[in-house]
């Protein structure tokens, strides 16, 4: 695998936000990481990118055979952008308002390729064309506010892929977009992945996005792994009550009303004992309130004392 994460834990000032999660992704494959806000999805991806300056990161993050936990900051900077890249959910705040999009893509390219400004500008135009922005040479001279939300996201994809990385992490890349533009962005990422053999991690709370793009799904809750299996298994045979609740909350053709999961996600400052989902689980047993369930299973891993009891 190009990326293998094992027993990853992330803490801020003694507060544990991610608790011993493990996952991997290979070239040409997509891992979907799903969960509500605060589940630890983005924190985990930022740890992979080496972007936590003040956090305590434990466990193992092996990228193409190289251990990144404990690696020098200079080495992590050299990998970010060149071999690992990330797309964020709000491109307007990620792009600098004072510089043209072409200059920003060119700057990212020159940082890793040490090439001339002219070559970098041509690379920026080439990348804008690749992600489907019309009149790329003209649009490269424009500022971010002149682009729609979908076009700004395409610019971010162009910037992320300019150095042809092996791993792309997309953190809620379609959250602020309408359904039509969302589909276009997902199709764009899938096409580029197929062309380049990229490994992709898609972080989202939207199971529709996961169903569309993921080969494998990791469901997170309260900083821990709730369920982990291939996408088909998760959607056909979800075993964890939380995963079942997420699936039940997705609108269906014959569904008269949405089924919400009661309660709120736990705070990392005061997580409940035992299974962190038990305060919201209609099937919780006494053991759920006291003991943390182990993550068991081979190809289909589930952390639940109920052993896949249906709701």
Protein backbone atom coordinates (compact mmCIF):
# COMPACT_ATOMS: atom_id res chain seq x y z
CA UNK A 1 0.00 0.00 0.00
CA UNK A 2 1.15 3.55 -0.68
CA UNK A 3 -0.18 4.60 2.75
CA UNK A 4 -0.56 2.49 5.88
CA UNK A 5 -1.74 4.09 9.12
CA UNK A 6 -1.59 1.96 12.28
CA UNK A 7 -2.86 2.77 15.79
CA UNK A 8 -2.87 6.50 15.10
CA UNK A 9 -3.67 8.69 18.10
CA UNK A 10 -3.74 12.49 18.13
CA UNK A 11 -3.96 14.63 21.28
CA UNK A 12 -4.07 18.37 21.92
CA UNK A 13 -2.93 19.47 25.37
CA UNK A 14 -3.74 16.10 26.87
CA UNK A 15 -7.14 15.84 25.19
CA UNK A 16 -7.28 12.83 22.88
CA UNK A 17 -9.13 13.59 19.65
CA UNK A 18 -8.19 10.47 17.66
CA UNK A 19 -7.87 7.14 19.43
CA UNK A 20 -5.83 4.35 17.81
CA UNK A 21 -7.33 4.21 14.33
CA UNK A 22 -5.85 2.18 11.50
CA UNK A 23 -6.40 2.28 7.74
CA UNK A 24 -4.59 2.05 4.44
CA UNK A 25 -5.04 2.96 0.81
CA UNK A 26 -3.28 1.86 -2.36
CA UNK A 27 -2.71 3.40 -5.77
CA UNK A 28 -5.86 3.59 -7.86
CA UNK A 29 -8.11 3.02 -4.83
CA UNK A 30 -10.37 5.34 -2.82
CA UNK A 31 -10.91 5.17 0.93
CA UNK A 32 -13.96 7.01 2.24
CA UNK A 33 -13.72 8.26 5.84
CA UNK A 34 -17.19 9.02 7.18
CA UNK A 35 -18.56 10.54 10.37
CA UNK A 36 -20.25 13.54 11.93
CA UNK A 37 -18.41 16.77 12.72
CA UNK A 38 -15.98 16.20 15.58
CA UNK A 39 -15.44 12.51 14.85
CA UNK A 40 -11.74 13.02 14.09
CA UNK A 41 -11.82 12.66 10.30
CA UNK A 42 -9.98 15.86 9.43
CA UNK A 43 -7.62 15.61 12.40
CA UNK A 44 -6.51 12.20 11.13
CA UNK A 45 -5.88 13.48 7.61
CA UNK A 46 -3.92 16.48 8.87
CA UNK A 47 -1.77 14.09 10.88
CA UNK A 48 -1.00 12.14 7.70
CA UNK A 49 0.06 15.40 6.03
CA UNK A 50 2.20 16.38 9.03
CA UNK A 51 0.25 19.58 9.59
CA UNK A 52 -0.25 19.32 13.38
CA UNK A 53 2.35 21.63 14.88
CA UNK A 54 1.14 21.56 18.48
CA UNK A 55 -0.46 18.11 18.67
CA UNK A 56 0.97 14.90 20.06
CA UNK A 57 0.87 12.26 17.31
CA UNK A 58 1.45 8.61 18.21
CA UNK A 59 1.31 5.38 16.24
CA UNK A 60 2.60 4.78 12.74
CA UNK A 61 2.08 6.54 9.39
CA UNK A 62 4.02 4.77 6.65
CA UNK A 63 4.00 6.44 3.26
CA UNK A 64 5.56 4.44 0.44
CA UNK A 65 7.70 2.54 2.95
CA UNK A 66 8.79 5.62 4.92
CA UNK A 67 7.71 6.27 8.52
CA UNK A 68 6.37 9.82 8.90
CA UNK A 69 5.65 9.91 12.63
CA UNK A 70 8.68 11.59 14.11
CA UNK A 71 10.12 12.54 10.70
CA UNK A 72 11.88 15.93 10.48
CA UNK A 73 9.64 18.88 9.57
CA UNK A 74 11.80 19.58 6.52
CA UNK A 75 11.17 16.08 5.19
CA UNK A 76 7.42 16.42 5.69
CA UNK A 77 7.44 19.77 3.86
CA UNK A 78 9.23 18.16 0.92
CA UNK A 79 6.56 15.44 0.68
CA UNK A 80 3.56 17.78 1.00
CA UNK A 81 2.53 19.00 -2.42
CA UNK A 82 5.05 16.89 -4.28
CA UNK A 83 3.94 13.37 -3.28
CA UNK A 84 1.01 14.01 -0.92
CA UNK A 85 -1.60 16.68 -1.58
CA UNK A 86 -4.77 17.86 0.08
CA UNK A 87 -7.95 19.61 -1.07
CA UNK A 88 -9.92 21.53 1.55
CA UNK A 89 -13.66 22.15 1.72
CA UNK A 90 -13.52 25.95 1.46
CA UNK A 91 -11.43 26.96 -1.55
CA UNK A 92 -12.15 30.67 -1.09
CA UNK A 93 -10.36 30.73 2.27
CA UNK A 94 -7.57 28.50 0.92
CA UNK A 95 -6.82 30.73 -2.06
CA UNK A 96 -5.09 34.10 -1.51
CA UNK A 97 -7.39 36.93 -2.64
CA UNK A 98 -4.53 39.22 -3.75
CA UNK A 99 -2.86 36.88 -6.24
CA UNK A 100 -4.12 35.43 -9.49
CA UNK A 101 -4.97 31.74 -9.53
CA UNK A 102 -2.26 31.15 -12.13
CA UNK A 103 0.40 32.70 -9.89
CA UNK A 104 -0.74 30.58 -6.94
CA UNK A 105 -0.60 27.32 -8.89
CA UNK A 106 2.78 28.33 -10.36
CA UNK A 107 4.15 29.14 -6.92
CA UNK A 108 3.16 25.72 -5.58
CA UNK A 109 4.76 24.06 -8.60
CA UNK A 110 8.03 26.04 -8.35
CA UNK A 111 8.33 25.24 -4.65
CA UNK A 112 8.85 21.56 -5.45
CA UNK A 113 10.14 21.51 -9.01
CA UNK A 114 12.68 24.37 -8.83
CA UNK A 115 11.84 25.53 -12.32
CA UNK A 116 11.62 28.92 -14.04
CA UNK A 117 8.64 31.26 -13.67
CA UNK A 118 7.79 30.82 -17.34
CA UNK A 119 7.69 27.04 -17.12
CA UNK A 120 5.65 27.23 -13.90
CA UNK A 121 3.12 29.59 -15.51
CA UNK A 122 2.71 27.22 -18.45
CA UNK A 123 2.20 24.38 -16.01
CA UNK A 124 -0.53 26.40 -14.28
CA UNK A 125 -2.35 26.94 -17.58
CA UNK A 126 -1.97 23.26 -18.44
CA UNK A 127 -3.45 22.21 -15.08
CA UNK A 128 -6.38 24.61 -15.36
CA UNK A 129 -7.17 23.09 -18.74
CA UNK A 130 -6.89 19.57 -17.31
CA UNK A 131 -9.47 20.27 -14.60
CA UNK A 132 -11.92 21.64 -17.15
CA UNK A 133 -11.68 25.40 -16.73
CA UNK A 134 -12.49 27.08 -20.08
CA UNK A 135 -10.08 29.65 -21.57
CA UNK A 136 -7.38 28.56 -19.08
CA UNK A 137 -4.74 31.06 -20.22
CA UNK A 138 -7.10 33.97 -19.69
CA UNK A 139 -8.56 32.63 -16.41
CA UNK A 140 -5.05 32.05 -15.02
CA UNK A 141 -4.67 35.85 -14.92
CA UNK A 142 -7.82 36.32 -12.83
CA UNK A 143 -8.26 36.48 -9.05
CA UNK A 144 -10.22 33.89 -7.00
CA UNK A 145 -13.27 36.14 -6.48
CA UNK A 146 -13.92 35.99 -10.24
CA UNK A 147 -14.57 32.23 -10.03
CA UNK A 148 -17.68 30.37 -8.91
CA UNK A 149 -17.50 27.93 -5.98
CA UNK A 150 -17.21 24.95 -8.31
CA UNK A 151 -14.52 26.63 -10.41
CA UNK A 152 -12.54 27.60 -7.30
CA UNK A 153 -12.62 23.97 -6.21
CA UNK A 154 -11.29 23.01 -9.65
CA UNK A 155 -8.47 25.50 -9.11
CA UNK A 156 -7.64 23.83 -5.80
CA UNK A 157 -7.59 20.45 -7.51
CA UNK A 158 -5.29 21.84 -10.20
CA UNK A 159 -2.94 23.20 -7.55
CA UNK A 160 -2.96 19.95 -5.57
CA UNK A 161 -2.19 17.83 -8.64
CA UNK A 162 0.33 20.15 -10.32
CA UNK A 163 3.30 18.14 -9.01
CA UNK A 164 1.64 14.76 -9.76
CA UNK A 165 1.40 13.40 -6.20
CA UNK A 166 0.81 9.75 -5.36
CA UNK A 167 -1.77 10.46 -2.63
CA UNK A 168 -4.66 12.93 -2.69
CA UNK A 169 -6.67 13.70 0.46
CA UNK A 170 -9.98 15.44 -0.26
CA UNK A 171 -11.49 16.92 2.91
CA UNK A 172 -15.21 17.58 2.30
CA UNK A 173 -14.45 18.87 -1.23
CA UNK A 174 -18.11 19.19 -2.27
CA UNK A 175 -19.79 20.42 0.94
CA UNK A 176 -20.64 23.97 -0.20
CA UNK A 177 -21.55 23.02 -3.77
CA UNK A 178 -24.93 22.31 -5.33
CA UNK A 179 -25.73 18.76 -6.42
CA UNK A 180 -24.88 19.25 -10.09
CA UNK A 181 -21.50 20.86 -9.41
CA UNK A 182 -20.82 18.27 -6.70
CA UNK A 183 -21.25 15.49 -9.25
CA UNK A 184 -18.91 17.27 -11.67
CA UNK A 185 -16.17 17.61 -9.04
CA UNK A 186 -16.46 13.94 -8.04
CA UNK A 187 -16.32 12.86 -11.69
CA UNK A 188 -13.26 15.07 -12.20
CA UNK A 189 -11.42 13.51 -9.25
CA UNK A 190 -12.38 10.00 -10.42
CA UNK A 191 -11.16 10.71 -13.97
CA UNK A 192 -7.83 12.11 -12.82
CA UNK A 193 -7.43 9.20 -10.41
CA UNK A 194 -7.99 6.71 -13.24
CA UNK A 195 -5.54 8.56 -15.51
CA UNK A 196 -2.77 8.87 -12.91
CA UNK A 197 -3.34 5.91 -10.60
CA UNK A 198 -3.78 8.16 -7.58
CA UNK A 199 -4.55 6.87 -4.12
CA UNK A 200 -7.47 8.96 -2.80
CA UNK A 201 -8.82 9.50 0.71
CA UNK A 202 -12.27 11.10 0.59
CA UNK A 203 -13.31 12.63 3.91
CA UNK A 204 -17.02 13.40 4.15
CA UNK A 205 -20.20 13.23 6.21
CA UNK A 206 -22.19 12.56 3.03
CA UNK A 207 -22.84 8.87 2.46
CA UNK A 208 -24.02 9.68 -1.06
CA UNK A 209 -20.51 10.84 -1.91
CA UNK A 210 -19.02 7.70 -0.37
CA UNK A 211 -21.40 5.43 -2.30
CA UNK A 212 -20.37 7.14 -5.51
CA UNK A 213 -16.58 7.04 -5.20
CA UNK A 214 -15.28 4.79 -2.40
CA UNK A 215 -13.84 1.28 -2.68
CA UNK A 216 -13.51 1.00 1.09
CA UNK A 217 -15.20 2.83 3.98
CA UNK A 218 -13.98 3.75 7.45
CA UNK A 219 -16.75 4.97 9.78
CA UNK A 220 -15.48 7.10 12.69
CA UNK A 221 -17.28 8.11 15.85
CA UNK A 222 -15.86 10.01 18.81
CA UNK A 223 -12.32 9.69 17.50
CA UNK A 224 -12.52 5.91 17.18
CA UNK A 225 -13.23 3.40 14.41
CA UNK A 226 -16.84 2.19 14.54
CA UNK A 227 -16.81 0.10 11.35
CA UNK A 228 -14.39 -0.60 8.52
CA UNK A 229 -15.06 -2.67 5.40
CA UNK A 230 -15.33 -2.49 1.64
CA UNK A 231 -18.02 -0.09 0.45
CA UNK A 232 -20.41 -2.76 -0.75
CA UNK A 233 -20.37 -4.50 2.64
CA UNK A 234 -20.96 -1.28 4.55
CA UNK A 235 -23.94 -0.31 2.42
CA UNK A 236 -25.45 -3.80 2.24
CA UNK A 237 -24.61 -5.23 5.67
CA UNK A 238 -23.78 -2.41 8.09
CA UNK A 239 -23.25 -3.95 11.53
CA UNK A 240 -22.63 -1.01 13.86
CA UNK A 241 -25.74 0.84 15.13
CA UNK A 242 -24.08 4.17 14.30
CA UNK A 243 -23.47 3.15 10.68
CA UNK A 244 -27.03 1.85 10.49
CA UNK A 245 -28.24 5.19 11.82
CA UNK A 246 -26.25 7.11 9.22
CA UNK A 247 -27.71 4.97 6.44
CA UNK A 248 -31.25 5.39 7.81
CA UNK A 249 -30.82 9.18 7.78
CA UNK A 250 -30.14 9.27 4.03
CA UNK A 251 -33.22 10.32 2.02
CA UNK A 252 -34.76 7.50 -0.02
CA UNK A 253 -37.24 7.43 -2.88
CA UNK A 254 -40.02 5.81 -0.81
CA UNK A 255 -39.02 7.46 2.47
CA UNK A 256 -41.67 9.79 3.88
CA UNK A 257 -39.41 11.42 6.47
CA UNK A 258 -35.78 11.32 7.57
CA UNK A 259 -34.78 9.18 10.54
CA UNK A 260 -32.41 11.18 12.72
CA UNK A 261 -29.90 9.81 15.22
CA UNK A 262 -30.94 11.19 18.63
CA UNK A 263 -28.54 13.22 20.73
CA UNK A 264 -25.22 14.82 19.81
CA UNK A 265 -21.68 13.56 19.19
CA UNK A 266 -19.51 13.36 22.33
CA UNK A 267 -17.10 16.10 23.30
CA UNK A 268 -13.44 14.99 23.31
CA UNK A 269 -13.08 16.96 26.55
CA UNK A 270 -15.52 14.65 28.36
CA UNK A 271 -16.16 11.48 26.35
CA UNK A 272 -18.58 8.93 27.83
CA UNK A 273 -17.10 5.74 29.31
CA UNK A 274 -17.27 2.46 27.43
CA UNK A 275 -18.64 2.67 23.91
CA UNK A 276 -18.78 6.33 23.00
CA UNK A 277 -21.97 5.80 21.02
CA UNK A 278 -23.93 4.18 23.87
CA UNK A 279 -25.72 7.40 25.03
CA UNK A 280 -27.33 7.64 21.57
CA UNK A 281 -27.81 3.92 20.92
CA UNK A 282 -31.27 2.40 21.29
CA UNK A 283 -29.76 -1.08 21.71
CA UNK A 284 -27.06 -0.34 24.30
CA UNK A 285 -26.36 -3.06 26.85
CA UNK A 286 -25.03 -2.57 30.36
CA UNK A 287 -21.56 -3.60 29.20
CA UNK A 288 -21.65 -0.79 26.61
CA UNK A 289 -21.65 1.81 29.39
CA UNK A 290 -18.52 0.44 31.04
CA UNK A 291 -16.26 -1.31 28.53
CA UNK A 292 -14.85 -0.03 25.27
CA UNK A 293 -15.67 -2.58 22.54
CA UNK A 294 -12.75 -4.11 20.68
CA UNK A 295 -12.50 -3.70 16.93
CA UNK A 296 -13.03 -7.27 15.71
CA UNK A 297 -13.32 -8.98 12.34
CA UNK A 298 -11.24 -9.69 9.27
CA UNK A 299 -12.40 -7.94 6.12
CA UNK A 300 -15.37 -6.45 7.98
CA UNK A 301 -14.24 -4.84 11.25
CA UNK A 302 -16.81 -3.68 13.82
CA UNK A 303 -16.38 -2.21 17.29
CA UNK A 304 -19.65 -3.15 18.98
CA UNK A 305 -20.73 -5.31 21.93
CA UNK A 306 -23.96 -6.11 20.09
CA UNK A 307 -22.07 -8.11 17.46
CA UNK A 308 -24.05 -6.60 14.58
CA UNK A 309 -27.54 -6.68 16.10
CA UNK A 310 -30.00 -5.06 13.74
CA UNK A 311 -31.92 -1.98 14.87
